[in-house]
N, C-alpha and C. Protein backbone atom coordinates (compact mmCIF):
# COMPACT_ATOMS: atom_id res chain seq x y z
N UNK A 1 0.60 -1.29 0.03
CA UNK A 1 0.10 -0.22 0.33
C UNK A 1 1.11 1.19 0.20
N UNK A 2 0.76 1.92 -1.08
CA UNK A 2 1.89 2.99 -1.35
C UNK A 2 0.90 4.69 -0.17
N UNK A 3 1.71 5.29 0.18
CA UNK A 3 1.13 6.47 0.80
C UNK A 3 0.24 7.53 -0.59
N UNK A 4 -0.78 7.98 0.53
CA UNK A 4 -1.84 8.51 -0.24
C UNK A 4 -1.13 10.07 -0.21
N UNK A 5 -0.64 10.59 0.51
CA UNK A 5 -0.32 12.22 1.18
C UNK A 5 -1.80 12.12 2.12
N UNK A 6 -1.45 13.69 2.08
CA UNK A 6 -2.28 14.43 2.93
C UNK A 6 -4.09 14.45 2.13
N UNK A 7 -4.90 13.24 2.58
CA UNK A 7 -6.47 13.89 1.85
C UNK A 7 -6.05 13.72 0.55
N UNK A 8 -4.45 12.70 0.24
CA UNK A 8 -4.37 12.50 -1.58
C UNK A 8 -4.77 13.56 -2.44
N UNK A 9 -4.16 14.99 -1.58
CA UNK A 9 -3.87 15.92 -2.57
C UNK A 9 -2.48 15.92 -3.44
N UNK A 10 -1.39 15.49 -2.99
CA UNK A 10 -0.95 14.51 -4.45
C UNK A 10 -1.39 13.91 -5.35
N UNK A 11 -2.34 13.46 -5.58
CA UNK A 11 -2.76 12.69 -6.46
C UNK A 11 -4.27 13.65 -7.06
N UNK A 12 -3.95 14.90 -6.72
CA UNK A 12 -5.04 15.67 -7.74
C UNK A 12 -5.15 16.31 -8.80
N UNK A 13 -6.54 15.84 -9.45
CA UNK A 13 -5.79 15.92 -10.43
C UNK A 13 -5.02 14.94 -11.78
N UNK A 14 -4.55 13.54 -11.00
CA UNK A 14 -4.36 13.08 -12.33
C UNK A 14 -5.04 11.48 -12.78
N UNK A 15 -5.94 11.84 -11.87
CA UNK A 15 -6.97 10.92 -12.34
C UNK A 15 -8.27 11.44 -13.50
N UNK A 16 -8.60 10.81 -14.35
CA UNK A 16 -9.79 11.26 -15.14
C UNK A 16 -10.96 10.53 -14.28
N UNK A 17 -12.05 11.00 -14.79
CA UNK A 17 -13.23 10.68 -13.72
C UNK A 17 -14.06 9.79 -14.69
N UNK A 18 -14.02 8.70 -13.83
CA UNK A 18 -14.11 7.03 -14.22
C UNK A 18 -15.35 7.00 -13.63
N UNK A 19 -16.61 7.37 -14.29
CA UNK A 19 -18.34 7.44 -13.90
C UNK A 19 -18.48 6.24 -13.22
N UNK A 20 -18.17 4.85 -13.81
CA UNK A 20 -18.65 3.47 -13.50
C UNK A 20 -18.04 3.47 -11.89
N UNK A 21 -17.06 3.97 -11.60
CA UNK A 21 -15.74 3.44 -10.30
C UNK A 21 -16.68 4.40 -9.38
N UNK A 22 -17.15 5.61 -9.85
CA UNK A 22 -18.28 6.20 -9.39
C UNK A 22 -19.22 6.29 -9.11
N UNK A 23 -20.42 5.58 -9.86
CA UNK A 23 -21.70 5.17 -8.95
C UNK A 23 -21.53 3.23 -8.96
N UNK A 24 -20.56 2.48 -8.56
CA UNK A 24 -20.14 1.94 -7.54
C UNK A 24 -19.92 2.32 -6.60
N UNK A 25 -19.22 2.93 -6.28
CA UNK A 25 -18.78 3.49 -4.61
C UNK A 25 -19.48 3.38 -3.43
N UNK A 26 -19.69 3.07 -2.67
CA UNK A 26 -20.52 2.67 -1.40
C UNK A 26 -20.54 3.91 -1.40
N UNK A 27 -20.25 4.81 -1.09
CA UNK A 27 -20.73 6.42 -0.63
C UNK A 27 -21.28 7.22 -1.54
N UNK A 28 -21.24 6.64 -2.60
CA UNK A 28 -22.08 6.82 -3.69
C UNK A 28 -22.97 6.87 -4.15
N UNK A 29 -23.15 5.41 -3.74
CA UNK A 29 -24.57 4.65 -3.75
C UNK A 29 -25.45 4.94 -2.18
N UNK A 30 -24.78 5.10 -1.03
CA UNK A 30 -25.40 5.95 -0.28
C UNK A 30 -26.17 6.87 -0.14
N UNK A 31 -25.09 7.68 -1.09
CA UNK A 31 -26.37 9.21 -0.94
C UNK A 31 -26.97 8.56 -1.88
N UNK A 32 -27.17 8.12 -3.02
CA UNK A 32 -27.97 7.49 -3.73
C UNK A 32 -29.54 7.29 -3.07
N UNK A 33 -29.32 6.27 -1.91
CA UNK A 33 -29.99 6.10 -1.59
C UNK A 33 -30.68 7.16 -0.54
N UNK A 34 -29.72 7.76 -0.04
CA UNK A 34 -30.65 8.81 0.72
C UNK A 34 -31.68 10.09 0.24
N UNK A 35 -30.83 10.03 -0.87
CA UNK A 35 -31.76 10.93 -1.94
C UNK A 35 -33.06 10.97 -2.13
N UNK A 36 -32.71 9.61 -2.38
CA UNK A 36 -34.40 8.63 -2.69
C UNK A 36 -35.16 8.90 -1.66
N UNK A 37 -34.75 8.31 -0.23
CA UNK A 37 -35.53 8.41 0.52
C UNK A 37 -36.08 9.71 0.89
N UNK A 38 -35.73 10.53 0.71
CA UNK A 38 -35.63 12.30 1.29
C UNK A 38 -36.71 12.15 0.25
N UNK A 39 -37.22 12.17 -0.95
CA UNK A 39 -37.98 12.05 -2.01
C UNK A 39 -39.28 11.56 -1.17
N UNK A 40 -38.74 10.59 -0.62
CA UNK A 40 -40.20 9.63 -0.13
C UNK A 40 -40.57 10.41 0.90
N UNK A 41 -39.86 10.72 1.45
CA UNK A 41 -40.69 10.93 3.01
C UNK A 41 -41.66 12.52 2.58
N UNK A 42 -40.67 13.38 2.17
CA UNK A 42 -41.68 14.78 1.21
C UNK A 42 -42.23 14.30 0.33
N UNK A 43 -42.49 13.91 -0.35
CA UNK A 43 -42.77 13.52 -1.46
C UNK A 43 -44.75 13.53 -0.50
N UNK A 44 -44.01 11.89 -0.11
CA UNK A 44 -45.51 11.36 0.79
C UNK A 44 -46.01 12.90 1.91
N UNK A 45 -45.38 13.49 2.55
CA UNK A 45 -45.81 14.56 2.84
C UNK A 45 -47.04 14.96 2.45
N UNK A 46 -46.42 15.67 1.32
CA UNK A 46 -46.54 17.25 0.47
C UNK A 46 -48.25 16.32 -0.33
N UNK A 47 -48.02 15.23 -0.54
CA UNK A 47 -49.25 14.51 -1.50
C UNK A 47 -50.20 14.12 -1.08
N UNK A 48 -50.17 13.27 0.86
CA UNK A 48 -51.33 12.59 0.89
C UNK A 48 -51.72 12.96 2.56
N UNK A 49 -50.19 13.88 3.27
CA UNK A 49 -50.31 13.83 4.75
C UNK A 49 -50.87 14.89 4.96
N UNK A 50 -52.04 15.64 4.29
CA UNK A 50 -52.65 16.52 4.71
C UNK A 50 -53.94 16.37 3.76
N UNK A 51 -55.30 16.88 5.07
CA UNK A 51 -57.04 16.46 4.63
C UNK A 51 -57.26 16.98 5.03
N UNK A 52 -58.80 17.25 4.62
CA UNK A 52 -59.49 18.40 4.60
C UNK A 52 -61.02 17.43 5.30
N UNK A 53 -61.39 17.71 6.21
CA UNK A 53 -63.20 17.41 6.70
C UNK A 53 -63.45 18.11 6.92
N UNK A 54 -64.32 18.10 5.69
CA UNK A 54 -65.88 19.29 6.02
C UNK A 54 -65.04 20.75 6.11
N UNK A 55 -63.90 21.13 6.15
CA UNK A 55 -63.58 22.49 6.19
C UNK A 55 -62.75 22.63 5.04
N UNK A 56 -62.51 23.82 4.66
CA UNK A 56 -61.03 24.29 3.55
C UNK A 56 -59.87 24.46 3.84
N UNK A 57 -59.84 24.05 5.56
CA UNK A 57 -58.67 23.82 6.71
C UNK A 57 -58.01 22.78 6.39
N UNK A 58 -56.74 22.50 5.75
CA UNK A 58 -56.26 20.92 5.94
C UNK A 58 -55.11 20.74 6.91
N UNK A 59 -55.23 19.98 7.65
CA UNK A 59 -55.20 18.95 8.84
C UNK A 59 -54.42 17.65 8.74
N UNK A 60 -53.28 17.31 9.27
CA UNK A 60 -52.05 16.76 9.10
C UNK A 60 -52.83 15.56 9.28
N UNK A 61 -52.39 14.59 9.21
CA UNK A 61 -52.72 13.20 8.82
C UNK A 61 -51.61 12.42 10.58
N UNK A 62 -51.24 13.31 11.05
CA UNK A 62 -50.03 12.57 12.21
C UNK A 62 -50.58 13.31 13.21
N UNK A 63 -52.04 12.79 14.13
CA UNK A 63 -52.37 12.97 14.83
C UNK A 63 -53.16 14.67 14.70
N UNK A 64 -53.36 15.62 13.29
CA UNK A 64 -53.39 16.68 13.24
C UNK A 64 -52.46 17.96 13.65
N UNK A 65 -51.62 17.37 13.96
CA UNK A 65 -50.23 18.05 14.53
C UNK A 65 -49.16 18.82 13.33
N UNK A 66 -49.60 19.56 12.83
CA UNK A 66 -48.75 20.87 11.78
C UNK A 66 -47.61 20.52 11.81
N UNK A 67 -47.36 21.16 13.33
CA UNK A 67 -46.13 20.65 13.17
C UNK A 67 -44.54 19.23 12.81
N UNK A 68 -45.53 18.28 12.91
CA UNK A 68 -45.55 16.47 12.20
C UNK A 68 -44.88 16.74 11.20
N UNK A 69 -45.75 17.46 10.15
CA UNK A 69 -45.29 17.57 8.69
C UNK A 69 -44.65 18.35 8.41
N UNK A 70 -44.71 19.23 8.98
CA UNK A 70 -44.02 20.14 9.14
C UNK A 70 -42.43 20.25 9.04
N UNK A 71 -42.31 19.76 10.55
CA UNK A 71 -40.46 18.66 10.85
C UNK A 71 -40.57 17.06 9.52
N UNK A 72 -41.28 16.79 9.34
CA UNK A 72 -40.94 15.96 7.67
C UNK A 72 -39.89 16.86 6.54
N UNK A 73 -41.11 17.48 5.93
CA UNK A 73 -40.65 17.89 5.21
C UNK A 73 -39.74 18.67 4.60
N UNK A 74 -39.91 19.60 5.71
CA UNK A 74 -38.35 20.63 6.14
C UNK A 74 -36.28 19.55 6.16
N UNK A 75 -37.26 18.65 6.81
CA UNK A 75 -36.10 18.00 7.10
C UNK A 75 -35.71 16.62 5.56
N UNK A 76 -36.98 16.26 4.60
CA UNK A 76 -36.55 15.28 3.90
C UNK A 76 -36.40 16.62 2.65
N UNK A 77 -36.12 18.04 2.51
CA UNK A 77 -36.03 18.97 2.28
C UNK A 77 -34.69 18.91 1.72
N UNK A 78 -34.23 19.26 2.95
CA UNK A 78 -32.83 19.56 3.60
C UNK A 78 -31.99 18.30 3.49
N UNK A 79 -32.72 16.87 3.61
CA UNK A 79 -31.46 16.09 2.89
C UNK A 79 -31.29 15.95 1.94
N UNK A 80 -32.35 16.01 1.00
CA UNK A 80 -32.81 16.28 -0.43
C UNK A 80 -31.55 17.25 -1.21
N UNK A 81 -31.13 18.09 -0.56
CA UNK A 81 -30.78 19.33 -1.32
C UNK A 81 -29.16 18.78 -0.81
N UNK A 82 -29.02 18.21 0.10
CA UNK A 82 -27.77 18.03 0.71
C UNK A 82 -27.32 16.92 0.00
N UNK A 83 -28.16 15.81 -0.28
CA UNK A 83 -27.07 14.72 -0.82
C UNK A 83 -27.05 15.44 -1.97
N UNK A 84 -27.94 16.36 -2.67
CA UNK A 84 -27.49 16.28 -4.48
C UNK A 84 -26.04 16.83 -4.19
N UNK A 85 -25.09 18.34 -3.21
CA UNK A 85 -24.54 18.76 -2.92
C UNK A 85 -23.33 17.66 -2.82
N UNK A 86 -23.45 16.89 -2.02
CA UNK A 86 -22.51 15.64 -1.58
C UNK A 86 -21.83 15.01 -2.82
N UNK A 87 -23.01 14.49 -3.41
CA UNK A 87 -22.77 13.83 -4.88
C UNK A 87 -22.04 15.15 -5.44
N UNK A 88 -22.47 16.44 -5.97
CA UNK A 88 -21.56 17.12 -6.35
C UNK A 88 -20.22 17.13 -6.00
N UNK A 89 -20.28 17.13 -4.48
CA UNK A 89 -18.50 17.50 -3.65
C UNK A 89 -17.85 16.45 -4.41
N UNK A 90 -18.27 14.98 -3.77
CA UNK A 90 -17.57 13.94 -4.39
C UNK A 90 -17.25 13.72 -5.78
N UNK A 91 -18.22 14.03 -6.17
CA UNK A 91 -17.32 14.36 -8.39
C UNK A 91 -15.62 15.03 -8.10
N UNK A 92 -16.05 16.41 -7.67
CA UNK A 92 -14.67 17.15 -7.72
C UNK A 92 -14.01 16.90 -6.83
N UNK A 93 -14.19 16.19 -6.06
CA UNK A 93 -12.87 16.17 -4.37
C UNK A 93 -11.63 15.51 -5.57
N UNK A 94 -11.69 14.88 -6.19
CA UNK A 94 -10.42 14.49 -6.72
C UNK A 94 -9.54 15.43 -7.64
N UNK A 95 -10.80 16.18 -7.24
CA UNK A 95 -9.02 17.68 -8.31
C UNK A 95 -8.92 19.00 -7.10
N UNK A 96 -9.66 18.65 -6.25
CA UNK A 96 -8.89 19.50 -4.77
C UNK A 96 -7.63 19.58 -4.75
N UNK A 97 -6.64 20.25 -4.45
CA UNK A 97 -5.25 20.44 -4.79
C UNK A 97 -5.41 20.68 -3.09
N UNK A 98 -5.53 21.27 -2.46
CA UNK A 98 -5.43 21.95 -0.92
C UNK A 98 -6.35 21.10 0.30
N UNK A 99 -5.30 20.99 0.99
CA UNK A 99 -4.87 19.34 1.67
C UNK A 99 -6.15 20.45 2.65
N UNK A 100 -6.18 21.45 3.06
CA UNK A 100 -7.20 22.37 4.26
C UNK A 100 -8.31 22.06 4.03
N UNK A 101 -8.78 22.32 2.10
CA UNK A 101 -10.04 22.28 1.33
C UNK A 101 -10.48 20.85 2.10
N UNK A 102 -9.68 19.60 1.32
CA UNK A 102 -9.82 18.35 0.89
C UNK A 102 -9.74 18.29 2.60
N UNK A 103 -9.89 18.42 3.63
CA UNK A 103 -10.10 18.73 4.92
C UNK A 103 -11.13 19.16 5.57
N UNK A 104 -12.01 20.02 4.80
CA UNK A 104 -12.50 20.97 5.22
C UNK A 104 -13.88 20.37 4.97
N UNK A 105 -14.14 19.25 3.08
CA UNK A 105 -14.74 18.71 2.87
C UNK A 105 -15.62 17.85 3.58
N UNK A 106 -13.88 16.62 4.13
CA UNK A 106 -14.45 15.29 4.87
C UNK A 106 -15.15 15.74 6.19
N UNK A 107 -14.52 16.72 6.77
CA UNK A 107 -15.13 17.13 8.33
C UNK A 107 -16.93 18.18 7.99
N UNK A 108 -16.43 18.61 6.57
CA UNK A 108 -18.52 18.60 6.07
C UNK A 108 -18.96 17.83 5.93
N UNK A 109 -18.55 16.89 5.33
CA UNK A 109 -19.65 15.93 5.14
C UNK A 109 -20.32 15.31 6.66
N UNK A 110 -18.93 14.77 7.98
CA UNK A 110 -18.89 14.27 8.72
C UNK A 110 -19.74 14.96 9.77
N UNK A 111 -19.52 16.61 9.30
CA UNK A 111 -20.81 16.62 10.41
C UNK A 111 -22.02 16.53 9.52
N UNK A 112 -22.35 17.00 8.76
CA UNK A 112 -23.36 17.64 8.19
C UNK A 112 -24.31 15.39 8.31
N UNK A 113 -23.28 14.77 8.12
CA UNK A 113 -24.06 13.28 7.96
C UNK A 113 -24.84 12.95 9.32
N UNK A 114 -23.51 13.03 9.79
CA UNK A 114 -23.80 13.07 11.39
C UNK A 114 -25.63 13.86 12.08
N UNK A 115 -25.04 15.29 11.45
CA UNK A 115 -26.41 16.04 11.88
C UNK A 115 -28.33 15.46 11.49
N UNK A 116 -27.95 15.26 10.06
CA UNK A 116 -28.52 14.47 9.41
C UNK A 116 -29.27 13.50 9.79
N UNK A 117 -28.44 12.15 10.39
CA UNK A 117 -28.47 10.93 11.30
C UNK A 117 -29.73 11.27 12.11
N UNK A 118 -29.42 12.43 13.15
CA UNK A 118 -29.36 13.12 14.62
C UNK A 118 -30.90 13.42 14.02
N UNK A 119 -31.37 13.86 12.95
CA UNK A 119 -32.89 14.58 12.65
C UNK A 119 -33.21 13.53 11.91
N UNK A 120 -32.96 12.74 11.82
CA UNK A 120 -34.09 11.50 10.99
C UNK A 120 -34.48 10.94 12.15
N UNK A 121 -33.85 10.44 13.14
CA UNK A 121 -34.07 9.94 14.41
C UNK A 121 -35.27 10.65 14.78
N UNK A 122 -34.87 11.67 15.40
CA UNK A 122 -35.91 12.56 16.47
C UNK A 122 -37.34 12.33 15.29
N UNK A 123 -37.19 12.76 13.30
CA UNK A 123 -38.30 12.40 12.82
C UNK A 123 -39.38 11.06 13.00
N UNK A 124 -38.41 10.48 13.12
CA UNK A 124 -38.56 8.99 13.47
C UNK A 124 -39.53 9.04 14.06
N UNK A 125 -38.98 9.04 15.62
CA UNK A 125 -39.61 9.30 16.89
C UNK A 125 -40.77 9.87 17.10
N UNK A 126 -40.41 11.11 16.37
CA UNK A 126 -42.04 12.30 16.60
C UNK A 126 -42.97 11.58 15.45
N UNK A 127 -42.10 11.51 14.36
CA UNK A 127 -43.70 10.57 13.24
C UNK A 127 -44.42 9.58 14.13
N UNK A 128 -43.50 9.07 14.71
CA UNK A 128 -44.70 7.54 14.88
C UNK A 128 -44.53 7.15 15.97
N UNK A 129 -44.57 8.57 17.40
CA UNK A 129 -45.55 9.03 18.16
C UNK A 129 -47.08 9.94 17.60
N UNK A 130 -46.41 10.56 16.92
CA UNK A 130 -48.09 10.91 16.67
C UNK A 130 -49.07 10.34 15.69
N UNK A 131 -48.27 9.35 14.79
CA UNK A 131 -48.85 8.25 13.91
C UNK A 131 -49.67 7.09 15.11
N UNK A 132 -48.96 6.99 16.20
CA UNK A 132 -49.85 6.09 17.42
C UNK A 132 -50.96 6.91 18.20
N UNK A 133 -51.01 8.28 18.12
CA UNK A 133 -51.77 9.04 18.77
C UNK A 133 -53.00 9.28 17.91
N UNK A 134 -53.29 9.42 16.63
CA UNK A 134 -53.41 9.46 15.84
C UNK A 134 -54.90 8.48 15.79
N UNK A 135 -56.01 9.00 16.24
CA UNK A 135 -57.28 8.02 16.00
C UNK A 135 -57.97 7.71 15.07
N UNK A 136 -58.08 6.37 14.65
CA UNK A 136 -58.88 5.66 13.21
C UNK A 136 -60.14 7.13 12.99
N UNK A 137 -60.93 7.30 13.93
CA UNK A 137 -61.57 8.63 13.59
C UNK A 137 -61.59 9.25 12.82
N UNK A 138 -60.33 10.06 13.01
CA UNK A 138 -59.90 10.83 13.00
C UNK A 138 -59.64 11.48 10.83
N UNK A 139 -59.31 10.18 10.11
CA UNK A 139 -59.05 9.78 9.06
C UNK A 139 -60.14 8.86 8.59
N UNK A 140 -61.00 9.90 7.97
CA UNK A 140 -62.15 9.42 6.67
C UNK A 140 -61.37 8.25 6.01
N UNK A 141 -62.07 7.13 5.95
CA UNK A 141 -61.63 6.02 5.39
C UNK A 141 -60.31 5.81 5.14
N UNK A 142 -59.46 5.60 6.20
CA UNK A 142 -57.73 5.76 6.07
C UNK A 142 -57.43 6.64 5.05
N UNK A 143 -57.84 7.56 5.07
CA UNK A 143 -57.26 8.22 4.28
C UNK A 143 -55.19 8.42 4.47
N UNK A 144 -54.07 8.68 3.88
CA UNK A 144 -53.44 8.85 4.43
C UNK A 144 -52.97 7.83 4.94
N UNK A 145 -53.22 6.82 5.16
CA UNK A 145 -52.92 5.85 6.75
C UNK A 145 -51.85 5.65 5.35
N UNK A 146 -51.68 5.29 4.63
CA UNK A 146 -50.39 4.13 3.39
C UNK A 146 -49.12 5.56 3.52
N UNK A 147 -49.66 6.40 3.31
CA UNK A 147 -48.46 8.02 2.97
C UNK A 147 -47.69 7.72 4.08
N UNK A 148 -48.94 8.37 5.52
CA UNK A 148 -47.70 8.46 6.35
C UNK A 148 -47.37 6.56 7.23
N UNK A 149 -47.32 5.55 7.23
CA UNK A 149 -46.99 4.59 7.40
C UNK A 149 -45.27 4.55 6.60
N UNK A 150 -45.61 5.19 5.38
CA UNK A 150 -44.75 5.01 3.76
C UNK A 150 -43.15 6.14 4.75
N UNK A 151 -43.61 7.29 4.92
CA UNK A 151 -42.85 8.59 5.65
C UNK A 151 -42.26 8.16 6.56
N UNK A 152 -42.85 6.82 7.69
CA UNK A 152 -42.21 6.57 9.18
C UNK A 152 -41.43 5.78 8.29
N UNK A 153 -41.80 4.67 7.68
CA UNK A 153 -40.69 3.72 7.29
C UNK A 153 -39.53 4.43 6.50
N UNK A 154 -39.99 5.06 5.86
CA UNK A 154 -38.24 6.17 5.36
C UNK A 154 -37.81 6.88 6.23
N UNK A 155 -38.46 7.14 7.20
CA UNK A 155 -37.41 8.04 8.10
C UNK A 155 -36.39 6.90 8.85
N UNK A 156 -36.64 5.46 9.44
CA UNK A 156 -36.23 4.91 9.98
C UNK A 156 -35.03 4.78 9.32
N UNK A 157 -35.14 4.33 7.44
CA UNK A 157 -34.19 3.79 6.61
C UNK A 157 -33.32 4.90 6.44
N UNK A 158 -33.60 5.76 6.69
CA UNK A 158 -32.38 7.36 6.20
C UNK A 158 -31.74 7.37 7.25
N UNK A 159 -32.34 6.84 8.61
CA UNK A 159 -31.26 7.25 9.51
C UNK A 159 -29.86 5.96 9.44
N UNK A 160 -31.01 4.67 8.99
CA UNK A 160 -29.42 3.82 8.65
C UNK A 160 -28.18 4.42 7.58
N UNK A 161 -29.07 4.82 6.52
CA UNK A 161 -28.16 5.38 5.39
C UNK A 161 -27.27 6.44 5.76
N UNK A 162 -27.51 7.86 6.28
CA UNK A 162 -26.93 8.74 6.97
C UNK A 162 -26.07 8.23 8.14
N UNK A 163 -26.30 7.14 9.21
CA UNK A 163 -25.12 7.29 9.87
C UNK A 163 -23.96 6.11 9.43
N UNK A 164 -24.25 5.36 8.33
CA UNK A 164 -23.45 5.15 7.82
C UNK A 164 -23.13 5.94 7.15
N UNK A 165 -23.25 7.03 6.61
CA UNK A 165 -22.25 7.65 6.03
C UNK A 165 -21.47 8.44 6.60
N UNK A 166 -22.39 8.60 7.59
CA UNK A 166 -21.61 9.14 9.19
C UNK A 166 -20.43 8.43 9.39
N UNK A 167 -20.43 6.77 9.00
CA UNK A 167 -19.00 6.22 9.79
C UNK A 167 -17.94 5.97 8.71
N UNK A 168 -18.78 6.18 7.24
CA UNK A 168 -17.67 6.84 6.33
C UNK A 168 -17.01 7.86 6.11
N UNK A 169 -17.37 8.75 6.74
CA UNK A 169 -16.82 9.66 7.15
C UNK A 169 -15.59 10.04 7.78
N UNK A 170 -16.03 9.46 8.63
CA UNK A 170 -15.18 9.60 9.83
C UNK A 170 -14.21 8.25 10.25
N UNK A 171 -14.52 7.48 9.35
CA UNK A 171 -12.99 5.91 8.84
C UNK A 171 -12.19 7.27 7.66
N UNK A 172 -12.99 7.92 6.86
CA UNK A 172 -11.85 8.99 5.94
C UNK A 172 -11.04 9.28 6.50
N UNK A 173 -12.17 10.55 8.03
CA UNK A 173 -10.92 11.50 8.72
C UNK A 173 -9.97 10.91 9.20
N UNK A 174 -10.12 9.66 10.25
CA UNK A 174 -9.81 9.26 10.91
C UNK A 174 -8.17 8.44 9.89
N UNK A 175 -8.59 7.61 9.16
CA UNK A 175 -7.36 6.59 8.41
C UNK A 175 -6.44 7.99 7.73
N UNK A 176 -7.15 9.16 7.07
CA UNK A 176 -6.42 10.46 6.22
C UNK A 176 -5.27 10.87 7.35
N UNK A 177 -5.98 10.81 8.24
CA UNK A 177 -5.56 11.93 9.62
C UNK A 177 -4.42 10.50 9.86
N UNK A 178 -4.43 10.12 9.93
CA UNK A 178 -3.54 9.07 10.33
C UNK A 178 -2.62 8.78 9.16
N UNK A 179 -2.34 8.51 7.77
CA UNK A 179 -1.48 8.88 6.84
C UNK A 179 -0.82 10.23 7.19
N UNK A 180 -1.04 11.16 7.03
CA UNK A 180 -1.17 12.90 7.55
C UNK A 180 0.23 12.95 8.36
N UNK A 181 -0.61 12.74 9.72
CA UNK A 181 0.92 12.48 10.63
C UNK A 181 2.26 11.29 10.64
N UNK A 182 1.46 10.13 9.70
CA UNK A 182 2.60 9.10 9.56
C UNK A 182 3.38 9.71 8.21
N UNK A 183 2.97 10.93 7.35
CA UNK A 183 3.93 11.13 6.50
C UNK A 183 4.36 12.82 7.77
N UNK A 184 4.13 13.61 8.32
CA UNK A 184 4.91 14.27 9.11
C UNK A 184 6.29 13.74 9.91
N UNK A 185 6.11 12.97 10.06
CA UNK A 185 7.06 12.55 11.71
C UNK A 185 7.95 11.53 10.66
N UNK A 186 9.30 12.19 11.15
CA UNK A 186 10.29 11.37 10.46
C UNK A 186 10.50 10.10 10.79
N UNK A 187 11.60 9.16 9.89
CA UNK A 187 11.20 7.56 10.03
C UNK A 187 12.33 7.56 11.25
N UNK A 188 13.03 7.70 11.84
CA UNK A 188 14.37 7.50 12.45
C UNK A 188 14.40 8.77 13.74
N UNK A 189 14.03 8.32 14.98
CA UNK A 189 13.43 9.07 15.97
C UNK A 189 14.60 10.39 16.10
N UNK A 190 14.52 11.68 16.53
CA UNK A 190 16.03 12.60 16.43
C UNK A 190 16.76 11.58 17.81
N UNK A 191 18.04 12.06 17.28
CA UNK A 191 18.99 11.96 18.14
C UNK A 191 19.57 13.46 18.82
N UNK A 192 19.96 13.49 19.96
CA UNK A 192 20.49 14.37 20.92
C UNK A 192 21.78 14.46 20.82
N UNK A 193 22.11 15.59 20.19
CA UNK A 193 24.18 15.69 20.54
C UNK A 193 23.79 16.99 21.24
N UNK A 194 25.24 16.30 22.33
CA UNK A 194 25.59 17.66 22.94
C UNK A 194 26.95 18.43 22.58
N UNK A 195 27.00 18.04 21.22
CA UNK A 195 27.67 19.05 20.77
C UNK A 195 27.62 20.84 20.01
């Protein structure tokens, strides 16, 4: 195994973009899955997450709590945009030659993935709690119940994908930092000379 340099900066721009290798990489597959899951969550809420029962006012299917629907849509849209941003960043990452910018990109990935995992966990717990509190009388003909169940299920799947992305980013940060320290340290310990 040859040393890659600090965050691979020594090889920046030396390789051409390989779409097959890019789209078969586990990080790219996870980002695409997270992108699809966020689309499912916010589209289920927007399309069938609101009902009106004899009035012009729309009510959220999650225990008539508008905050539950708003939270799901907000986190879904934020993670949708974040997935697109990090896919584009993954495409351009090999061309970044600055070690500082590469380190920032890895830390940004780590921070956003951890935050997204936490937000999806909170969303899963919140939506599942509100769905459990919803009585069948509030939903005529079980309107929106399939969309609510799909929303909760894909919130759970999103926890897994963003959590694994966080672990991959943490592994990248640790291994790259170790290689960087290894390259900075001399191979033989310095000796003290009294002369």
